[in-house]
């Protein structure tokens, strides 16, 4: 397969070798944890997958195996959870003054 454009210039990088662009702050980690707690009451299986990926650092394949689900199911849970959490965390604090 011939790579073109940006993919040809960048090449492949192992996730294990990659450094995060920005370290999350304590506040950001707490916001994820709080949102994940709310998400867990809506979809416990997807919330468990997020915990394994975000806090434990498992790959999608490792998390799927740990949970006893197929990779396809894990990918669906992951996509749904990411969308839900982005909406939830991105929501302005309703108690904050405007």
PDB file of N, CA and C in Angstrom:
ATOM      1  N   UNK A   1       0.838  -1.176   0.000  1.00  0.00           N
ATOM      2  CA  UNK A   1       0.000   0.000   0.000  1.00  0.00           C
ATOM      3  C   UNK A   1       0.881   1.235   0.000  1.00  0.00           C
ATOM      4  N   UNK A   2       0.619   2.162  -0.879  1.00  0.00           N
ATOM      5  CA  UNK A   2       1.382   3.385  -0.998  1.00  0.00           C
ATOM      6  C   UNK A   2       0.730   4.466  -0.148  1.00  0.00           C
ATOM      7  N   UNK A   3       1.509   5.049   0.753  1.00  0.00           N
ATOM      8  CA  UNK A   3       0.988   6.117   1.590  1.00  0.00           C
ATOM      9  C   UNK A   3       1.194   7.449   0.896  1.00  0.00           C
ATOM     10  N   UNK A   4       0.226   8.304   1.027  1.00  0.00           N
ATOM     11  CA  UNK A   4       0.307   9.622   0.403  1.00  0.00           C
ATOM     12  C   UNK A   4      -0.023  10.692   1.413  1.00  0.00           C
ATOM     13  N   UNK A   5       0.368  11.897   1.097  1.00  0.00           N
ATOM     14  CA  UNK A   5       0.016  13.035   1.929  1.00  0.00           C
ATOM     15  C   UNK A   5       0.656  12.962   3.298  1.00  0.00           C
ATOM     16  N   UNK A   6      -0.086  13.374   4.291  1.00  0.00           N
ATOM     17  CA  UNK A   6       0.416  13.461   5.662  1.00  0.00           C
ATOM     18  C   UNK A   6       0.874  12.102   6.187  1.00  0.00           C
ATOM     19  N   UNK A   7       0.152  11.034   5.859  1.00  0.00           N
ATOM     20  CA  UNK A   7       0.510   9.701   6.351  1.00  0.00           C
ATOM     21  C   UNK A   7       1.904   9.299   5.893  1.00  0.00           C
ATOM     22  N   UNK A   8       2.287   9.686   4.692  1.00  0.00           N
ATOM     23  CA  UNK A   8       3.615   9.347   4.183  1.00  0.00           C
ATOM     24  C   UNK A   8       4.693  10.114   4.929  1.00  0.00           C
ATOM     25  N   UNK A   9       4.419  11.329   5.320  1.00  0.00           N
ATOM     26  CA  UNK A   9       5.397  12.152   6.036  1.00  0.00           C
ATOM     27  C   UNK A   9       5.521  11.761   7.497  1.00  0.00           C
ATOM     28  N   UNK A  10       4.419  11.402   8.119  1.00  0.00           N
ATOM     29  CA  UNK A  10       4.402  11.136   9.549  1.00  0.00           C
ATOM     30  C   UNK A  10       4.902   9.746   9.873  1.00  0.00           C
ATOM     31  N   UNK A  11       4.453   8.746   9.148  1.00  0.00           N
ATOM     32  CA  UNK A  11       4.832   7.377   9.453  1.00  0.00           C
ATOM     33  C   UNK A  11       4.014   6.829  10.606  1.00  0.00           C
ATOM     34  N   UNK A  12       4.389   5.647  11.043  1.00  0.00           N
ATOM     35  CA  UNK A  12       3.654   5.002  12.134  1.00  0.00           C
ATOM     36  C   UNK A  12       4.353   5.265  13.458  1.00  0.00           C
ATOM     37  N   UNK A  13       3.568   5.431  14.496  1.00  0.00           N
ATOM     38  CA  UNK A  13       4.080   5.623  15.846  1.00  0.00           C
ATOM     39  C   UNK A  13       3.332   4.673  16.756  1.00  0.00           C
ATOM     40  N   UNK A  14       4.063   3.939  17.564  1.00  0.00           N
ATOM     41  CA  UNK A  14       3.437   3.045  18.522  1.00  0.00           C
ATOM     42  C   UNK A  14       2.792   3.874  19.629  1.00  0.00           C
ATOM     43  N   UNK A  15       1.629   3.451  20.060  1.00  0.00           N
ATOM     44  CA  UNK A  15       0.949   4.151  21.151  1.00  0.00           C
ATOM     45  C   UNK A  15       1.819   4.129  22.400  1.00  0.00           C
ATOM     46  N   UNK A  16       2.528   3.049  22.622  1.00  0.00           N
ATOM     47  CA  UNK A  16       3.392   2.946  23.800  1.00  0.00           C
ATOM     48  C   UNK A  16       4.522   3.961  23.753  1.00  0.00           C
ATOM     49  N   UNK A  17       4.958   4.350  22.538  1.00  0.00           N
ATOM     50  CA  UNK A  17       6.048   5.306  22.390  1.00  0.00           C
ATOM     51  C   UNK A  17       5.574   6.751  22.353  1.00  0.00           C
ATOM     52  N   UNK A  18       4.288   6.951  22.154  1.00  0.00           N
ATOM     53  CA  UNK A  18       3.761   8.303  22.004  1.00  0.00           C
ATOM     54  C   UNK A  18       3.617   8.986  23.360  1.00  0.00           C
ATOM     55  N   UNK A  19       3.970  10.236  23.387  1.00  0.00           N
ATOM     56  CA  UNK A  19       3.784  11.055  24.583  1.00  0.00           C
ATOM     57  C   UNK A  19       2.517  11.874  24.398  1.00  0.00           C
ATOM     58  N   UNK A  20       1.709  12.037  25.448  1.00  0.00           N
ATOM     59  CA  UNK A  20       0.519  12.869  25.293  1.00  0.00           C
ATOM     60  C   UNK A  20       0.924  14.305  24.985  1.00  0.00           C
ATOM     61  N   UNK A  21       0.151  14.969  24.141  1.00  0.00           N
ATOM     62  CA  UNK A  21       0.450  16.351  23.777  1.00  0.00           C
ATOM     63  C   UNK A  21       0.381  17.252  25.007  1.00  0.00           C
ATOM     64  N   UNK A  22      -0.584  17.011  25.855  1.00  0.00           N
ATOM     65  CA  UNK A  22      -0.777  17.796  27.069  1.00  0.00           C
ATOM     66  C   UNK A  22      -1.193  16.844  28.185  1.00  0.00           C
ATOM     67  N   UNK A  23      -0.537  16.932  29.311  1.00  0.00           N
ATOM     68  CA  UNK A  23      -0.938  16.114  30.461  1.00  0.00           C
ATOM     69  C   UNK A  23      -2.256  16.655  31.006  1.00  0.00           C
ATOM     70  N   UNK A  24      -3.208  15.772  31.292  1.00  0.00           N
ATOM     71  CA  UNK A  24      -4.467  16.261  31.853  1.00  0.00           C
ATOM     72  C   UNK A  24      -4.252  16.814  33.264  1.00  0.00           C
ATOM     73  N   UNK A  25      -5.013  17.825  33.593  1.00  0.00           N
ATOM     74  CA  UNK A  25      -4.943  18.408  34.930  1.00  0.00           C
ATOM     75  C   UNK A  25      -5.769  17.556  35.884  1.00  0.00           C
ATOM     76  N   UNK A  26      -5.585  17.772  37.160  1.00  0.00           N
ATOM     77  CA  UNK A  26      -6.378  17.063  38.172  1.00  0.00           C
ATOM     78  C   UNK A  26      -7.858  17.364  37.959  1.00  0.00           C
ATOM     79  N   UNK A  27      -8.166  18.609  37.638  1.00  0.00           N
ATOM     80  CA  UNK A  27      -9.563  18.993  37.421  1.00  0.00           C
ATOM     81  C   UNK A  27     -10.166  18.246  36.242  1.00  0.00           C
ATOM     82  N   UNK A  28      -9.379  18.070  35.170  1.00  0.00           N
ATOM     83  CA  UNK A  28      -9.874  17.347  34.007  1.00  0.00           C
ATOM     84  C   UNK A  28     -10.101  15.875  34.328  1.00  0.00           C
ATOM     85  N   UNK A  29      -9.194  15.286  35.063  1.00  0.00           N
ATOM     86  CA  UNK A  29      -9.360  13.878  35.452  1.00  0.00           C
ATOM     87  C   UNK A  29     -10.590  13.720  36.337  1.00  0.00           C
ATOM     88  N   UNK A  30     -10.786  14.639  37.265  1.00  0.00           N
ATOM     89  CA  UNK A  30     -11.975  14.580  38.130  1.00  0.00           C
ATOM     90  C   UNK A  30     -13.254  14.768  37.326  1.00  0.00           C
ATOM     91  N   UNK A  31     -13.226  15.657  36.321  1.00  0.00           N
ATOM     92  CA  UNK A  31     -14.402  15.870  35.476  1.00  0.00           C
ATOM     93  C   UNK A  31     -14.744  14.596  34.712  1.00  0.00           C
ATOM     94  N   UNK A  32     -13.730  13.913  34.204  1.00  0.00           N
ATOM     95  CA  UNK A  32     -13.956  12.643  33.496  1.00  0.00           C
ATOM     96  C   UNK A  32     -14.533  11.618  34.463  1.00  0.00           C
ATOM     97  N   UNK A  33     -13.967  11.527  35.667  1.00  0.00           N
ATOM     98  CA  UNK A  33     -14.444  10.561  36.648  1.00  0.00           C
ATOM     99  C   UNK A  33     -15.900  10.829  37.034  1.00  0.00           C
ATOM    100  N   UNK A  34     -16.241  12.094  37.261  1.00  0.00           N
ATOM    101  CA  UNK A  34     -17.618  12.433  37.628  1.00  0.00           C
ATOM    102  C   UNK A  34     -18.587  12.129  36.488  1.00  0.00           C
ATOM    103  N   UNK A  35     -18.207  12.490  35.268  1.00  0.00           N
ATOM    104  CA  UNK A  35     -19.061  12.207  34.114  1.00  0.00           C
ATOM    105  C   UNK A  35     -19.194  10.696  33.911  1.00  0.00           C
ATOM    106  N   UNK A  36     -18.109   9.989  34.129  1.00  0.00           N
ATOM    107  CA  UNK A  36     -18.119   8.533  33.968  1.00  0.00           C
ATOM    108  C   UNK A  36     -19.032   7.869  34.992  1.00  0.00           C
ATOM    109  N   UNK A  37     -19.095   8.420  36.177  1.00  0.00           N
ATOM    110  CA  UNK A  37     -20.014   7.905  37.195  1.00  0.00           C
ATOM    111  C   UNK A  37     -21.459   8.066  36.726  1.00  0.00           C
ATOM    112  N   UNK A  38     -21.785   9.231  36.158  1.00  0.00           N
ATOM    113  CA  UNK A  38     -23.140   9.450  35.634  1.00  0.00           C
ATOM    114  C   UNK A  38     -23.404   8.506  34.459  1.00  0.00           C
ATOM    115  N   UNK A  39     -22.412   8.361  33.586  1.00  0.00           N
ATOM    116  CA  UNK A  39     -22.551   7.492  32.426  1.00  0.00           C
ATOM    117  C   UNK A  39     -22.760   6.043  32.853  1.00  0.00           C
ATOM    118  N   UNK A  40     -22.106   5.638  33.932  1.00  0.00           N
ATOM    119  CA  UNK A  40     -22.231   4.274  34.434  1.00  0.00           C
ATOM    120  C   UNK A  40     -23.641   3.903  34.821  1.00  0.00           C
ATOM    121  N   UNK A  41     -24.441   4.877  35.251  1.00  0.00           N
ATOM    122  CA  UNK A  41     -25.832   4.574  35.586  1.00  0.00           C
ATOM    123  C   UNK A  41     -26.667   4.390  34.322  1.00  0.00           C
ATOM    124  N   UNK A  42     -26.204   4.954  33.201  1.00  0.00           N
ATOM    125  CA  UNK A  42     -26.913   4.807  31.934  1.00  0.00           C
ATOM    126  C   UNK A  42     -26.466   3.566  31.158  1.00  0.00           C
ATOM    127  N   UNK A  43     -25.152   3.320  31.127  1.00  0.00           N
ATOM    128  CA  UNK A  43     -24.616   2.202  30.356  1.00  0.00           C
ATOM    129  C   UNK A  43     -23.404   1.619  31.081  1.00  0.00           C
ATOM    130  N   UNK A  44     -23.650   0.735  32.058  1.00  0.00           N
ATOM    131  CA  UNK A  44     -22.558   0.197  32.880  1.00  0.00           C
ATOM    132  C   UNK A  44     -21.468  -0.517  32.080  1.00  0.00           C
ATOM    133  N   UNK A  45     -21.834  -1.253  31.040  1.00  0.00           N
ATOM    134  CA  UNK A  45     -20.829  -1.989  30.264  1.00  0.00           C
ATOM    135  C   UNK A  45     -19.894  -1.046  29.525  1.00  0.00           C
ATOM    136  N   UNK A  46     -20.441  -0.018  28.915  1.00  0.00           N
ATOM    137  CA  UNK A  46     -19.615   0.953  28.199  1.00  0.00           C
ATOM    138  C   UNK A  46     -18.758   1.752  29.181  1.00  0.00           C
ATOM    139  N   UNK A  47     -19.310   2.068  30.357  1.00  0.00           N
ATOM    140  CA  UNK A  47     -18.541   2.796  31.370  1.00  0.00           C
ATOM    141  C   UNK A  47     -17.360   1.967  31.854  1.00  0.00           C
ATOM    142  N   UNK A  48     -17.561   0.686  32.005  1.00  0.00           N
ATOM    143  CA  UNK A  48     -16.470  -0.197  32.432  1.00  0.00           C
ATOM    144  C   UNK A  48     -15.367  -0.241  31.374  1.00  0.00           C
ATOM    145  N   UNK A  49     -15.762  -0.258  30.124  1.00  0.00           N
ATOM    146  CA  UNK A  49     -14.783  -0.232  29.038  1.00  0.00           C
ATOM    147  C   UNK A  49     -13.954   1.052  29.094  1.00  0.00           C
ATOM    148  N   UNK A  50     -14.599   2.176  29.323  1.00  0.00           N
ATOM    149  CA  UNK A  50     -13.884   3.453  29.411  1.00  0.00           C
ATOM    150  C   UNK A  50     -12.894   3.423  30.570  1.00  0.00           C
ATOM    151  N   UNK A  51     -13.304   2.898  31.702  1.00  0.00           N
ATOM    152  CA  UNK A  51     -12.399   2.813  32.853  1.00  0.00           C
ATOM    153  C   UNK A  51     -11.156   2.007  32.510  1.00  0.00           C
ATOM    154  N   UNK A  52     -11.362   0.882  31.838  1.00  0.00           N
ATOM    155  CA  UNK A  52     -10.222   0.039  31.470  1.00  0.00           C
ATOM    156  C   UNK A  52      -9.301   0.745  30.478  1.00  0.00           C
ATOM    157  N   UNK A  53      -9.873   1.510  29.560  1.00  0.00           N
ATOM    158  CA  UNK A  53      -9.055   2.202  28.563  1.00  0.00           C
ATOM    159  C   UNK A  53      -8.421   3.455  29.149  1.00  0.00           C
ATOM    160  N   UNK A  54      -9.199   4.295  29.809  1.00  0.00           N
ATOM    161  CA  UNK A  54      -8.719   5.606  30.260  1.00  0.00           C
ATOM    162  C   UNK A  54      -7.841   5.513  31.505  1.00  0.00           C
ATOM    163  N   UNK A  55      -8.294   4.778  32.489  1.00  0.00           N
ATOM    164  CA  UNK A  55      -7.567   4.742  33.763  1.00  0.00           C
ATOM    165  C   UNK A  55      -6.532   3.616  33.833  1.00  0.00           C
ATOM    166  N   UNK A  56      -6.797   2.466  33.220  1.00  0.00           N
ATOM    167  CA  UNK A  56      -5.878   1.332  33.273  1.00  0.00           C
ATOM    168  C   UNK A  56      -4.916   1.355  32.090  1.00  0.00           C
ATOM    169  N   UNK A  57      -5.371   1.911  30.956  1.00  0.00           N
ATOM    170  CA  UNK A  57      -4.505   2.011  29.790  1.00  0.00           C
ATOM    171  C   UNK A  57      -4.539   0.817  28.856  1.00  0.00           C
ATOM    172  N   UNK A  58      -5.605   0.011  28.934  1.00  0.00           N
ATOM    173  CA  UNK A  58      -5.715  -1.146  28.056  1.00  0.00           C
ATOM    174  C   UNK A  58      -6.081  -0.715  26.643  1.00  0.00           C
ATOM    175  N   UNK A  59      -5.668  -1.506  25.679  1.00  0.00           N
ATOM    176  CA  UNK A  59      -6.081  -1.292  24.290  1.00  0.00           C
ATOM    177  C   UNK A  59      -7.534  -1.742  24.156  1.00  0.00           C
ATOM    178  N   UNK A  60      -8.141  -1.435  23.022  1.00  0.00           N
ATOM    179  CA  UNK A  60      -9.520  -1.856  22.798  1.00  0.00           C
ATOM    180  C   UNK A  60      -9.623  -3.377  22.805  1.00  0.00           C
ATOM    181  N   UNK A  61      -8.606  -4.042  22.235  1.00  0.00           N
ATOM    182  CA  UNK A  61      -8.611  -5.507  22.208  1.00  0.00           C
ATOM    183  C   UNK A  61      -8.472  -6.085  23.620  1.00  0.00           C
ATOM    184  N   UNK A  62      -7.573  -5.518  24.416  1.00  0.00           N
ATOM    185  CA  UNK A  62      -7.369  -5.996  25.789  1.00  0.00           C
ATOM    186  C   UNK A  62      -8.608  -5.764  26.638  1.00  0.00           C
ATOM    187  N   UNK A  63      -9.233  -4.602  26.483  1.00  0.00           N
ATOM    188  CA  UNK A  63     -10.443  -4.301  27.250  1.00  0.00           C
ATOM    189  C   UNK A  63     -11.580  -5.229  26.849  1.00  0.00           C
ATOM    190  N   UNK A  64     -11.713  -5.493  25.552  1.00  0.00           N
ATOM    191  CA  UNK A  64     -12.760  -6.413  25.081  1.00  0.00           C
ATOM    192  C   UNK A  64     -12.564  -7.786  25.692  1.00  0.00           C
ATOM    193  N   UNK A  65     -11.334  -8.254  25.691  1.00  0.00           N
ATOM    194  CA  UNK A  65     -11.042  -9.571  26.264  1.00  0.00           C
ATOM    195  C   UNK A  65     -11.340  -9.591  27.763  1.00  0.00           C
ATOM    196  N   UNK A  66     -10.942  -8.545  28.472  1.00  0.00           N
ATOM    197  CA  UNK A  66     -11.174  -8.475  29.921  1.00  0.00           C
ATOM    198  C   UNK A  66     -12.665  -8.482  30.251  1.00  0.00           C
ATOM    199  N   UNK A  67     -13.458  -7.857  29.380  1.00  0.00           N
ATOM    200  CA  UNK A  67     -14.897  -7.779  29.621  1.00  0.00           C
ATOM    201  C   UNK A  67     -15.654  -8.963  29.020  1.00  0.00           C
ATOM    202  N   UNK A  68     -14.963  -9.784  28.223  1.00  0.00           N
ATOM    203  CA  UNK A  68     -15.626 -10.930  27.607  1.00  0.00           C
ATOM    204  C   UNK A  68     -16.586 -10.548  26.503  1.00  0.00           C
ATOM    205  N   UNK A  69     -16.250  -9.476  25.767  1.00  0.00           N
ATOM    206  CA  UNK A  69     -17.090  -9.055  24.642  1.00  0.00           C
ATOM    207  C   UNK A  69     -16.239  -9.075  23.377  1.00  0.00           C
ATOM    208  N   UNK A  70     -16.906  -9.040  22.234  1.00  0.00           N
ATOM    209  CA  UNK A  70     -16.180  -9.023  20.965  1.00  0.00           C
ATOM    210  C   UNK A  70     -15.526  -7.656  20.762  1.00  0.00           C
ATOM    211  N   UNK A  71     -14.555  -7.635  19.885  1.00  0.00           N
ATOM    212  CA  UNK A  71     -13.894  -6.369  19.558  1.00  0.00           C
ATOM    213  C   UNK A  71     -14.889  -5.385  18.939  1.00  0.00           C
ATOM    214  N   UNK A  72     -15.796  -5.891  18.120  1.00  0.00           N
ATOM    215  CA  UNK A  72     -16.810  -5.030  17.499  1.00  0.00           C
ATOM    216  C   UNK A  72     -17.699  -4.381  18.561  1.00  0.00           C
ATOM    217  N   UNK A  73     -18.099  -5.179  19.544  1.00  0.00           N
ATOM    218  CA  UNK A  73     -18.923  -4.633  20.636  1.00  0.00           C
ATOM    219  C   UNK A  73     -18.136  -3.600  21.422  1.00  0.00           C
ATOM    220  N   UNK A  74     -16.885  -3.889  21.700  1.00  0.00           N
ATOM    221  CA  UNK A  74     -16.040  -2.937  22.420  1.00  0.00           C
ATOM    222  C   UNK A  74     -15.893  -1.648  21.628  1.00  0.00           C
ATOM    223  N   UNK A  75     -15.729  -1.746  20.316  1.00  0.00           N
ATOM    224  CA  UNK A  75     -15.622  -0.540  19.488  1.00  0.00           C
ATOM    225  C   UNK A  75     -16.909   0.274  19.515  1.00  0.00           C
ATOM    226  N   UNK A  76     -18.063  -0.396  19.503  1.00  0.00           N
ATOM    227  CA  UNK A  76     -19.347   0.323  19.592  1.00  0.00           C
ATOM    228  C   UNK A  76     -19.486   1.014  20.938  1.00  0.00           C
ATOM    229  N   UNK A  77     -19.156   0.290  22.022  1.00  0.00           N
ATOM    230  CA  UNK A  77     -19.210   0.901  23.360  1.00  0.00           C
ATOM    231  C   UNK A  77     -18.279   2.112  23.432  1.00  0.00           C
ATOM    232  N   UNK A  78     -17.077   1.970  22.892  1.00  0.00           N
ATOM    233  CA  UNK A  78     -16.075   3.036  22.949  1.00  0.00           C
ATOM    234  C   UNK A  78     -16.553   4.270  22.179  1.00  0.00           C
ATOM    235  N   UNK A  79     -17.082   4.080  20.979  1.00  0.00           N
ATOM    236  CA  UNK A  79     -17.569   5.206  20.174  1.00  0.00           C
ATOM    237  C   UNK A  79     -18.714   5.923  20.883  1.00  0.00           C
ATOM    238  N   UNK A  80     -19.660   5.159  21.420  1.00  0.00           N
ATOM    239  CA  UNK A  80     -20.796   5.751  22.131  1.00  0.00           C
ATOM    240  C   UNK A  80     -20.324   6.485  23.378  1.00  0.00           C
ATOM    241  N   UNK A  81     -19.443   5.864  24.139  1.00  0.00           N
ATOM    242  CA  UNK A  81     -18.960   6.474  25.380  1.00  0.00           C
ATOM    243  C   UNK A  81     -18.212   7.773  25.107  1.00  0.00           C
ATOM    244  N   UNK A  82     -17.358   7.776  24.092  1.00  0.00           N
ATOM    245  CA  UNK A  82     -16.613   8.998  23.766  1.00  0.00           C
ATOM    246  C   UNK A  82     -17.560  10.137  23.409  1.00  0.00           C
ATOM    247  N   UNK A  83     -18.565   9.839  22.594  1.00  0.00           N
ATOM    248  CA  UNK A  83     -19.524  10.874  22.207  1.00  0.00           C
ATOM    249  C   UNK A  83     -20.307  11.377  23.419  1.00  0.00           C
ATOM    250  N   UNK A  84     -20.769  10.465  24.241  1.00  0.00           N
ATOM    251  CA  UNK A  84     -21.548  10.836  25.423  1.00  0.00           C
ATOM    252  C   UNK A  84     -20.708  11.687  26.362  1.00  0.00           C
ATOM    253  N   UNK A  85     -19.488  11.247  26.620  1.00  0.00           N
ATOM    254  CA  UNK A  85     -18.623  11.967  27.558  1.00  0.00           C
ATOM    255  C   UNK A  85     -18.214  13.337  27.020  1.00  0.00           C
ATOM    256  N   UNK A  86     -17.964  13.433  25.718  1.00  0.00           N
ATOM    257  CA  UNK A  86     -17.640  14.749  25.140  1.00  0.00           C
ATOM    258  C   UNK A  86     -18.786  15.720  25.347  1.00  0.00           C
ATOM    259  N   UNK A  87     -19.998  15.258  25.109  1.00  0.00           N
ATOM    260  CA  UNK A  87     -21.173  16.119  25.313  1.00  0.00           C
ATOM    261  C   UNK A  87     -21.320  16.493  26.780  1.00  0.00           C
ATOM    262  N   UNK A  88     -21.152  15.523  27.652  1.00  0.00           N
ATOM    263  CA  UNK A  88     -21.341  15.747  29.086  1.00  0.00           C
ATOM    264  C   UNK A  88     -20.267  16.653  29.664  1.00  0.00           C
ATOM    265  N   UNK A  89     -19.025  16.410  29.337  1.00  0.00           N
ATOM    266  CA  UNK A  89     -17.929  17.211  29.880  1.00  0.00           C
ATOM    267  C   UNK A  89     -17.906  18.583  29.254  1.00  0.00           C
ATOM    268  N   UNK A  90     -18.321  18.680  27.997  1.00  0.00           N
ATOM    269  CA  UNK A  90     -18.346  19.963  27.307  1.00  0.00           C
ATOM    270  C   UNK A  90     -19.495  20.848  27.717  1.00  0.00           C
ATOM    271  N   UNK A  91     -20.455  20.275  28.431  1.00  0.00           N
ATOM    272  CA  UNK A  91     -21.622  21.034  28.874  1.00  0.00           C
ATOM    273  C   UNK A  91     -21.220  22.051  29.919  1.00  0.00           C
ATOM    274  N   UNK A  92     -21.629  23.318  29.791  1.00  0.00           N
ATOM    275  CA  UNK A  92     -21.275  24.308  30.805  1.00  0.00           C
ATOM    276  C   UNK A  92     -21.907  23.973  32.151  1.00  0.00           C
ATOM    277  N   UNK A  93     -21.234  24.359  33.208  1.00  0.00           N
ATOM    278  CA  UNK A  93     -21.737  24.128  34.560  1.00  0.00           C
ATOM    279  C   UNK A  93     -23.003  24.954  34.766  1.00  0.00           C
ATOM    280  N   UNK A  94     -24.119  24.262  35.008  1.00  0.00           N
ATOM    281  CA  UNK A  94     -25.396  24.959  35.126  1.00  0.00           C
ATOM    282  C   UNK A  94     -25.496  25.774  36.407  1.00  0.00           C
ATOM    283  N   UNK A  95     -24.631  25.507  37.386  1.00  0.00           N
ATOM    284  CA  UNK A  95     -24.688  26.271  38.630  1.00  0.00           C
ATOM    285  C   UNK A  95     -23.821  27.532  38.555  1.00  0.00           C
ATOM    286  N   UNK A  96     -23.002  27.646  37.507  1.00  0.00           N
ATOM    287  CA  UNK A  96     -22.109  28.811  37.380  1.00  0.00           C
ATOM    288  C   UNK A  96     -22.919  30.019  36.938  1.00  0.00           C
ATOM    289  N   UNK A  97     -22.567  31.196  37.455  1.00  0.00           N
ATOM    290  CA  UNK A  97     -23.269  32.406  37.029  1.00  0.00           C
ATOM    291  C   UNK A  97     -22.950  32.719  35.565  1.00  0.00           C
ATOM    292  N   UNK A  98     -23.927  33.301  34.874  1.00  0.00           N
ATOM    293  CA  UNK A  98     -23.719  33.625  33.456  1.00  0.00           C
ATOM    294  C   UNK A  98     -23.189  35.004  33.266  1.00  0.00           C
TER     295      UNK A  98
END
